[in-house]
Amino acid sequence: MDMKRRQLIGASATALAAGAVAPALANPVAAPAVASGQPEFKWRLTSSFPRSLDTIFGTAQTFSRMVAEATDGRFQIQTFPAGELVPGFQALDAVSNGTLECAQTATYFYTGKDPALAFGTGVPFGFNSRQQHSWWFFGGGAEIINGILGKYNVTSIPMGNSGCQMGGFFRKELNTLDDLKGLKFRIGGIGGQVLAKLGVVPQQIPPGDVYAALERGTIDAAEFVGPYDDEKLGIVKVAKYYYYPGWWEGGAMLHFVVNMEQWNTLPKHYQAIVRQACEAANNWMLAKYDSVNPPALRRLAHQGVELRPFPPAIMEAGYKAAYELYGEIAATNPAFKAALDSMTAIRSDQLMWWQIAEYAFDSFNIRNRGKS
């Protein structure tokens, strides 16, 4: 009897357990019980870029959406364009001092803190977008740049890349190095310092003021990003010569920067979600630009733009000036020297491989573009 009683009790317990589980499985509302126990975070992200740059600012929005979806809405990051919370070039400071939790920005905006931060975004005659990404994860880039940002209570993760940019709009055609002497050019950062060695007068002008400055003749030329973004400025109406390539930004990397204390409050799996969302948003931005730039370039051509490659003499002089500048800075800045040495060694290997594979493949397809 004891044996039968134990069997009956066991069978009844199994049936009760099955009966309790069945409604839970059948009821989709009851299923996310685990998610409801996850912590909630509400952060604010300021971008260094305006809402009108819908690919760049859209990358921050895409990132925020992915984080929310992956956490079932438990981690919300509200995005703000430049100027709504803080000016675009003050994004890093706002994150550093804890005013905001995070930002979308470019580290080369902050070379005044340390010139080596230029390498986080990219330097003249440096990497293309894929090489820059490889350097960050496998060439010491993350350690160098975040080693500097750590002094400001900030860490960063790559979140976007423009690909190779254009060289900008010029009111007059460039033929020789002498044409650069005294040229007032809207360009900043390390690129501006390099061009200054060639006689250019770099100008720092907000995007919204570029058209008027060119129209009045206050400046002679302006660079921005690429055809899709440049078209929105309407510059082609006042400066028709459109030069390429933008050798000072061969693959400009953007970053998600986050206050260190805030980052450390996140559970490890939330940190992992942020990293993966940054990577996905990075790919989204590159893919978007690759999609929208070609038709924008055709539209600019219909509006009268005249495409011009930079003359070889200007490219060669720019290359020489860039590495002269790098040597001068590296002589007094150990972090800059470490970044330069790392980039130079890896760039040499990358270009060897690029010549064998990517360049050969792309060159063949370019030569045969009109045949299919």
Protein backbone atom coordinates (compact mmCIF):
# COMPACT_ATOMS: atom_id res chain seq x y z
CA MET A 1 0.00 0.00 0.00
CA ASP A 2 2.84 2.41 0.87
CA MET A 3 4.35 1.84 -2.56
CA LYS A 4 1.02 2.53 -4.30
CA ARG A 5 0.45 5.62 -2.15
CA ARG A 6 3.85 7.05 -3.08
CA GLN A 7 3.19 6.37 -6.77
CA LEU A 8 -0.21 8.09 -6.53
CA ILE A 9 1.24 11.13 -4.75
CA GLY A 10 4.06 11.36 -7.29
CA ALA A 11 1.63 11.13 -10.20
CA SER A 12 -0.62 13.80 -8.67
CA ALA A 13 2.32 16.18 -8.13
CA THR A 14 3.44 15.71 -11.74
CA ALA A 15 -0.06 16.41 -12.99
CA LEU A 16 -0.36 19.54 -10.84
CA ALA A 17 3.00 20.82 -12.07
CA ALA A 18 2.01 20.18 -15.68
CA GLY A 19 -1.29 21.93 -15.12
CA ALA A 20 0.45 24.95 -13.64
CA VAL A 21 3.00 25.22 -16.47
CA ALA A 22 0.52 24.74 -19.33
CA PRO A 23 -1.41 28.02 -18.79
CA ALA A 24 1.87 29.92 -18.43
CA LEU A 25 3.11 28.57 -21.76
CA ALA A 26 -0.24 29.21 -23.41
CA ASN A 27 -0.42 32.77 -22.10
CA PRO A 28 2.10 35.01 -23.96
CA VAL A 29 1.66 37.78 -21.38
CA ALA A 30 3.09 35.58 -18.64
CA ALA A 31 6.15 34.52 -20.66
CA PRO A 32 8.46 37.56 -20.14
CA ALA A 33 8.56 37.09 -16.36
CA VAL A 34 12.38 36.99 -16.48
CA ALA A 35 12.62 40.28 -18.44
CA SER A 36 10.45 42.07 -15.89
CA GLY A 37 13.18 41.56 -13.32
CA GLN A 38 15.82 43.36 -15.41
CA PRO A 39 16.96 46.82 -14.24
CA GLU A 40 15.74 49.95 -16.01
CA PHE A 41 17.97 52.76 -17.25
CA LYS A 42 17.06 56.05 -18.92
CA TRP A 43 20.03 57.83 -20.45
CA ARG A 44 20.46 60.92 -22.61
CA LEU A 45 22.79 60.98 -25.60
CA THR A 46 23.95 64.22 -27.19
CA SER A 47 25.29 64.13 -30.72
CA SER A 48 27.96 66.43 -32.12
CA PHE A 49 25.95 66.54 -35.33
CA PRO A 50 22.70 68.24 -36.39
CA ARG A 51 19.47 66.40 -37.11
CA SER A 52 19.72 67.46 -40.78
CA LEU A 53 22.63 65.03 -41.22
CA ASP A 54 20.16 62.17 -41.16
CA THR A 55 22.77 59.47 -41.85
CA ILE A 56 25.16 60.50 -39.06
CA PHE A 57 22.49 61.50 -36.55
CA GLY A 58 20.38 58.58 -37.78
CA THR A 59 23.20 56.28 -36.68
CA ALA A 60 22.75 57.43 -33.08
CA GLN A 61 18.98 56.92 -33.39
CA THR A 62 19.49 53.45 -34.87
CA PHE A 63 21.85 52.54 -32.03
CA SER A 64 19.38 53.71 -29.38
CA ARG A 65 16.54 51.76 -30.97
CA MET A 66 18.61 48.58 -31.05
CA VAL A 67 19.50 48.90 -27.36
CA ALA A 68 15.84 49.39 -26.44
CA GLU A 69 14.70 46.42 -28.53
CA ALA A 70 17.38 44.12 -27.12
CA THR A 71 16.40 44.97 -23.52
CA ASP A 72 12.64 44.82 -24.04
CA GLY A 73 12.50 48.58 -23.49
CA ARG A 74 14.29 48.44 -20.16
CA PHE A 75 17.29 50.48 -21.37
CA GLN A 76 16.16 53.71 -23.05
CA ILE A 77 18.69 56.14 -24.57
CA GLN A 78 17.11 59.39 -25.77
CA THR A 79 19.07 61.06 -28.58
CA PHE A 80 19.51 64.82 -29.00
CA PRO A 81 21.17 66.64 -31.92
CA ALA A 82 23.96 69.14 -31.43
CA GLY A 83 22.85 72.31 -29.70
CA GLU A 84 19.70 71.06 -28.01
CA LEU A 85 21.46 70.09 -24.77
CA VAL A 86 25.06 71.20 -25.37
CA PRO A 87 27.00 72.56 -28.38
CA GLY A 88 28.38 69.88 -30.69
CA PHE A 89 32.04 70.37 -29.77
CA GLN A 90 31.25 70.20 -26.03
CA ALA A 91 29.79 66.69 -26.14
CA LEU A 92 32.86 65.03 -24.64
CA ASP A 93 33.05 67.53 -21.78
CA ALA A 94 29.36 67.02 -20.95
CA VAL A 95 29.95 63.26 -20.67
CA SER A 96 33.22 63.70 -18.80
CA ASN A 97 31.71 65.84 -16.04
CA GLY A 98 28.59 63.70 -15.73
CA THR A 99 26.13 66.25 -17.13
CA LEU A 100 25.09 63.57 -19.63
CA GLU A 101 25.60 59.83 -19.67
CA CYS A 102 26.81 59.47 -23.24
CA ALA A 103 27.40 61.10 -26.62
CA GLN A 104 27.97 60.45 -30.29
CA THR A 105 31.03 62.37 -31.43
CA ALA A 106 34.38 62.26 -33.24
CA THR A 107 37.52 62.10 -31.13
CA TYR A 108 39.45 64.38 -33.48
CA PHE A 109 37.26 67.25 -32.30
CA TYR A 110 39.25 67.14 -29.05
CA THR A 111 42.86 67.29 -30.19
CA GLY A 112 43.22 70.30 -27.90
CA LYS A 113 43.11 67.83 -25.02
CA ASP A 114 45.60 65.50 -26.70
CA PRO A 115 46.65 65.51 -30.39
CA ALA A 116 46.70 61.69 -30.35
CA LEU A 117 42.88 61.70 -30.23
CA ALA A 118 43.01 62.53 -33.94
CA PHE A 119 43.90 58.90 -34.63
CA GLY A 120 40.59 57.74 -33.14
CA THR A 121 38.74 59.32 -36.04
CA GLY A 122 41.52 59.14 -38.60
CA VAL A 123 44.41 61.31 -39.80
CA PRO A 124 45.45 62.57 -43.25
CA PHE A 125 46.84 59.74 -45.39
CA GLY A 126 45.94 57.24 -42.69
CA PHE A 127 43.52 54.34 -42.94
CA ASN A 128 40.43 53.69 -45.02
CA SER A 129 37.27 52.71 -43.12
CA ARG A 130 37.97 48.98 -42.88
CA GLN A 131 41.61 49.47 -41.98
CA GLN A 132 40.64 51.98 -39.30
CA HIS A 133 38.20 49.46 -37.83
CA SER A 134 40.85 46.74 -37.89
CA TRP A 135 43.41 49.01 -36.20
CA TRP A 136 40.95 49.80 -33.43
CA PHE A 137 40.23 46.19 -32.52
CA PHE A 138 43.46 44.41 -33.47
CA GLY A 139 46.18 47.06 -33.74
CA GLY A 140 46.11 48.72 -30.35
CA GLY A 141 43.81 51.58 -31.32
CA ALA A 142 41.27 50.98 -28.57
CA GLU A 143 43.96 50.83 -25.89
CA ILE A 144 45.67 54.02 -27.09
CA ILE A 145 42.55 56.16 -27.51
CA ASN A 146 40.70 54.89 -24.45
CA GLY A 147 43.89 55.24 -22.44
CA ILE A 148 43.71 58.97 -23.16
CA LEU A 149 39.94 59.28 -22.71
CA GLY A 150 40.20 57.47 -19.37
CA LYS A 151 41.95 60.54 -17.98
CA TYR A 152 38.69 62.39 -18.61
CA ASN A 153 36.47 59.78 -16.96
CA VAL A 154 35.25 58.53 -20.35
CA THR A 155 35.52 55.38 -22.46
CA SER A 156 34.50 54.90 -26.09
CA ILE A 157 33.25 52.35 -28.62
CA PRO A 158 33.30 52.82 -32.43
CA MET A 159 29.84 53.73 -33.73
CA GLY A 160 29.88 54.78 -37.34
CA ASN A 161 32.19 55.61 -40.22
CA SER A 162 31.72 57.94 -43.18
CA GLY A 163 34.01 56.05 -45.53
CA CYS A 164 36.36 58.15 -47.66
CA GLN A 165 35.10 61.72 -47.87
CA MET A 166 35.28 64.29 -50.66
CA GLY A 167 37.88 67.04 -50.81
CA GLY A 168 35.33 69.83 -50.91
CA PHE A 169 33.98 72.63 -53.09
CA PHE A 170 36.31 75.29 -54.48
CA ARG A 171 35.42 78.54 -56.17
CA LYS A 172 38.48 78.34 -58.41
CA GLU A 173 40.24 75.45 -60.11
CA LEU A 174 43.44 74.08 -58.58
CA ASN A 175 46.35 73.44 -60.95
CA THR A 176 49.55 73.94 -58.97
CA LEU A 177 50.73 74.22 -55.38
CA ASP A 178 50.76 78.01 -55.77
CA ASP A 179 46.97 77.94 -56.06
CA LEU A 180 46.83 76.96 -52.38
CA LYS A 181 48.76 80.01 -51.16
CA GLY A 182 46.42 82.22 -49.15
CA LEU A 183 43.41 80.03 -49.94
CA LYS A 184 40.79 80.45 -47.19
CA PHE A 185 39.50 76.93 -46.69
CA ARG A 186 36.80 75.75 -44.28
CA ILE A 187 38.59 72.81 -42.67
CA GLY A 188 39.74 72.07 -39.15
CA GLY A 189 41.74 69.66 -37.05
CA ILE A 190 44.89 67.88 -38.18
CA GLY A 191 43.88 68.27 -41.84
CA GLY A 192 43.84 72.03 -41.42
CA GLN A 193 47.28 71.96 -39.80
CA VAL A 194 48.69 69.96 -42.71
CA LEU A 195 47.20 72.31 -45.30
CA ALA A 196 48.50 75.31 -43.38
CA LYS A 197 52.01 74.02 -44.13
CA LEU A 198 51.12 74.38 -47.82
CA GLY A 199 49.99 77.98 -47.46
CA VAL A 200 46.26 77.40 -46.88
CA VAL A 201 44.46 79.56 -44.29
CA PRO A 202 42.19 77.11 -42.39
CA GLN A 203 38.80 78.46 -41.31
CA GLN A 204 36.48 77.07 -38.62
CA ILE A 205 32.91 77.77 -39.76
CA PRO A 206 29.69 75.98 -38.70
CA PRO A 207 27.96 74.05 -41.53
CA GLY A 208 24.99 76.41 -41.57
CA ASP A 209 27.23 79.40 -42.35
CA VAL A 210 29.29 77.83 -45.14
CA TYR A 211 27.02 78.80 -48.05
CA ALA A 212 26.89 82.47 -47.05
CA ALA A 213 30.65 82.61 -46.47
CA LEU A 214 31.35 81.20 -49.93
CA GLU A 215 28.79 83.46 -51.56
CA ARG A 216 30.29 86.58 -49.97
CA GLY A 217 33.85 85.44 -50.71
CA THR A 218 34.76 85.29 -47.01
CA ILE A 219 36.15 81.84 -47.79
CA ASP A 220 37.36 80.30 -51.05
CA ALA A 221 36.57 76.64 -50.43
CA ALA A 222 34.86 74.32 -47.96
CA GLU A 223 34.91 70.62 -47.20
CA PHE A 224 32.16 68.80 -45.34
CA VAL A 225 31.52 65.07 -45.75
CA GLY A 226 30.42 63.54 -49.07
CA PRO A 227 27.88 64.06 -51.87
CA TYR A 228 24.77 63.16 -49.86
CA ASP A 229 25.49 65.61 -47.04
CA ASP A 230 27.27 68.19 -49.19
CA GLU A 231 24.25 68.46 -51.51
CA LYS A 232 22.10 69.67 -48.61
CA LEU A 233 24.34 72.70 -48.08
CA GLY A 234 23.63 73.93 -51.63
CA ILE A 235 27.28 74.90 -52.09
CA VAL A 236 27.29 73.90 -55.75
CA LYS A 237 25.45 77.16 -56.51
CA VAL A 238 28.43 79.24 -55.39
CA ALA A 239 31.45 76.92 -55.79
CA LYS A 240 31.30 74.49 -58.71
CA TYR A 241 34.68 72.71 -58.52
CA TYR A 242 34.29 69.53 -56.46
CA TYR A 243 37.61 67.90 -55.59
CA TYR A 244 38.45 64.36 -54.55
CA PRO A 245 39.57 62.43 -52.60
CA GLY A 246 39.32 63.88 -49.09
CA TRP A 247 42.77 62.62 -48.19
CA TRP A 248 42.51 64.03 -44.67
CA GLU A 249 39.52 61.73 -43.94
CA GLY A 250 39.99 58.40 -45.70
CA GLY A 251 37.66 56.61 -43.28
CA ALA A 252 36.40 58.89 -40.51
CA MET A 253 35.38 56.82 -37.48
CA LEU A 254 32.79 58.13 -35.02
CA HIS A 255 32.39 56.99 -31.43
CA PHE A 256 29.89 56.34 -28.69
CA VAL A 257 31.50 57.91 -25.63
CA VAL A 258 30.18 57.12 -22.18
CA ASN A 259 30.83 58.39 -18.67
CA MET A 260 32.91 55.77 -16.85
CA GLU A 261 30.81 55.72 -13.67
CA GLN A 262 27.61 55.34 -15.68
CA TRP A 263 29.17 52.57 -17.77
CA ASN A 264 30.16 50.67 -14.64
CA THR A 265 26.59 50.80 -13.29
CA LEU A 266 25.37 48.73 -16.26
CA PRO A 267 25.03 44.96 -15.84
CA LYS A 268 27.57 43.05 -17.93
CA HIS A 269 24.91 41.82 -20.36
CA TYR A 270 23.72 45.41 -20.91
CA GLN A 271 27.31 46.42 -21.66
CA ALA A 272 27.47 43.56 -24.18
CA ILE A 273 24.24 44.78 -25.79
CA VAL A 274 25.67 48.30 -26.11
CA ARG A 275 28.84 46.98 -27.76
CA GLN A 276 26.87 44.92 -30.27
CA ALA A 277 24.46 47.77 -30.99
CA CYS A 278 27.45 50.05 -31.65
CA GLU A 279 28.87 47.52 -34.11
CA ALA A 280 25.53 47.11 -35.88
CA ALA A 281 25.04 50.89 -36.07
CA ASN A 282 28.58 51.24 -37.43
CA ASN A 283 27.75 48.89 -40.30
CA TRP A 284 24.41 50.64 -40.86
CA MET A 285 26.10 54.01 -41.33
CA LEU A 286 28.65 52.75 -43.83
CA ALA A 287 25.99 50.87 -45.79
CA LYS A 288 23.71 53.91 -45.82
CA TYR A 289 26.42 56.20 -47.16
CA ASP A 290 27.40 53.66 -49.82
CA SER A 291 23.75 53.65 -50.88
CA VAL A 292 22.99 57.40 -50.90
CA ASN A 293 26.27 58.94 -52.09
CA PRO A 294 26.23 57.68 -55.71
CA PRO A 295 22.81 59.11 -56.64
CA ALA A 296 23.65 62.34 -54.79
CA LEU A 297 26.83 62.69 -56.84
CA ARG A 298 24.80 62.26 -60.05
CA ARG A 299 22.35 64.93 -58.89
CA LEU A 300 25.22 67.32 -58.17
CA ALA A 301 26.57 66.71 -61.67
CA HIS A 302 23.17 67.67 -63.11
CA GLN A 303 23.33 70.87 -61.03
CA GLY A 304 26.59 71.87 -62.68
CA VAL A 305 29.29 70.56 -60.36
CA GLU A 306 32.64 69.88 -62.04
CA LEU A 307 34.47 66.90 -60.56
CA ARG A 308 38.23 67.26 -60.29
CA PRO A 309 40.92 65.03 -58.79
CA PHE A 310 43.49 66.84 -56.68
CA PRO A 311 46.58 67.40 -58.85
CA PRO A 312 49.34 64.87 -58.06
CA ALA A 313 51.67 67.67 -56.95
CA ILE A 314 49.19 68.74 -54.26
CA MET A 315 48.66 65.16 -53.10
CA GLU A 316 52.43 64.55 -52.85
CA ALA A 317 53.04 67.83 -51.04
CA GLY A 318 50.17 67.06 -48.67
CA TYR A 319 51.60 63.64 -47.86
CA LYS A 320 55.03 65.09 -47.14
CA ALA A 321 53.59 67.87 -44.98
CA ALA A 322 51.42 65.42 -43.04
CA TYR A 323 54.31 63.21 -42.00
CA GLU A 324 56.47 66.22 -41.18
CA LEU A 325 53.71 67.41 -38.84
CA TYR A 326 53.34 63.95 -37.30
CA GLY A 327 57.08 63.82 -36.59
CA GLU A 328 56.99 67.23 -34.90
CA ILE A 329 54.08 66.27 -32.62
CA ALA A 330 55.44 62.78 -31.87
CA ALA A 331 58.73 64.27 -30.68
CA THR A 332 56.98 65.75 -27.63
CA ASN A 333 53.89 63.56 -27.20
CA PRO A 334 54.40 59.87 -26.28
CA ALA A 335 50.76 58.90 -26.91
CA PHE A 336 50.86 60.48 -30.37
CA LYS A 337 54.10 58.64 -31.13
CA ALA A 338 52.61 55.32 -30.01
CA ALA A 339 49.56 55.86 -32.23
CA LEU A 340 51.69 56.97 -35.18
CA ASP A 341 54.08 54.01 -34.89
CA SER A 342 51.16 51.61 -34.60
CA MET A 343 49.31 53.12 -37.57
CA THR A 344 52.40 53.26 -39.79
CA ALA A 345 53.36 49.62 -39.23
CA ILE A 346 49.84 48.26 -39.66
CA ARG A 347 49.10 50.53 -42.62
CA SER A 348 52.12 49.13 -44.48
CA ASP A 349 50.87 45.54 -44.04
CA GLN A 350 47.27 46.47 -44.81
CA LEU A 351 48.20 48.22 -48.05
CA MET A 352 50.27 45.24 -49.17
CA TRP A 353 47.24 42.99 -48.69
CA TRP A 354 44.89 45.58 -50.22
CA GLN A 355 47.02 45.75 -53.36
CA ILE A 356 46.90 41.97 -53.75
CA ALA A 357 43.19 41.49 -53.15
CA GLU A 358 40.80 44.43 -52.75
CA TYR A 359 42.55 46.90 -55.04
CA ALA A 360 43.07 44.37 -57.82
CA PHE A 361 39.45 43.23 -57.65
CA ASP A 362 38.00 46.75 -57.49
CA SER A 363 40.27 48.05 -60.25
CA PHE A 364 39.17 45.29 -62.62
CA ASN A 365 35.51 45.96 -61.93
CA ILE A 366 35.99 49.71 -62.38
CA ARG A 367 37.62 49.16 -65.78
CA ASN A 368 34.71 46.98 -66.82
CA ARG A 369 31.93 49.05 -65.27
CA GLY A 370 30.32 50.02 -68.57
CA LYS A 371 30.48 46.59 -70.19
CA SER A 372 27.70 44.80 -68.33
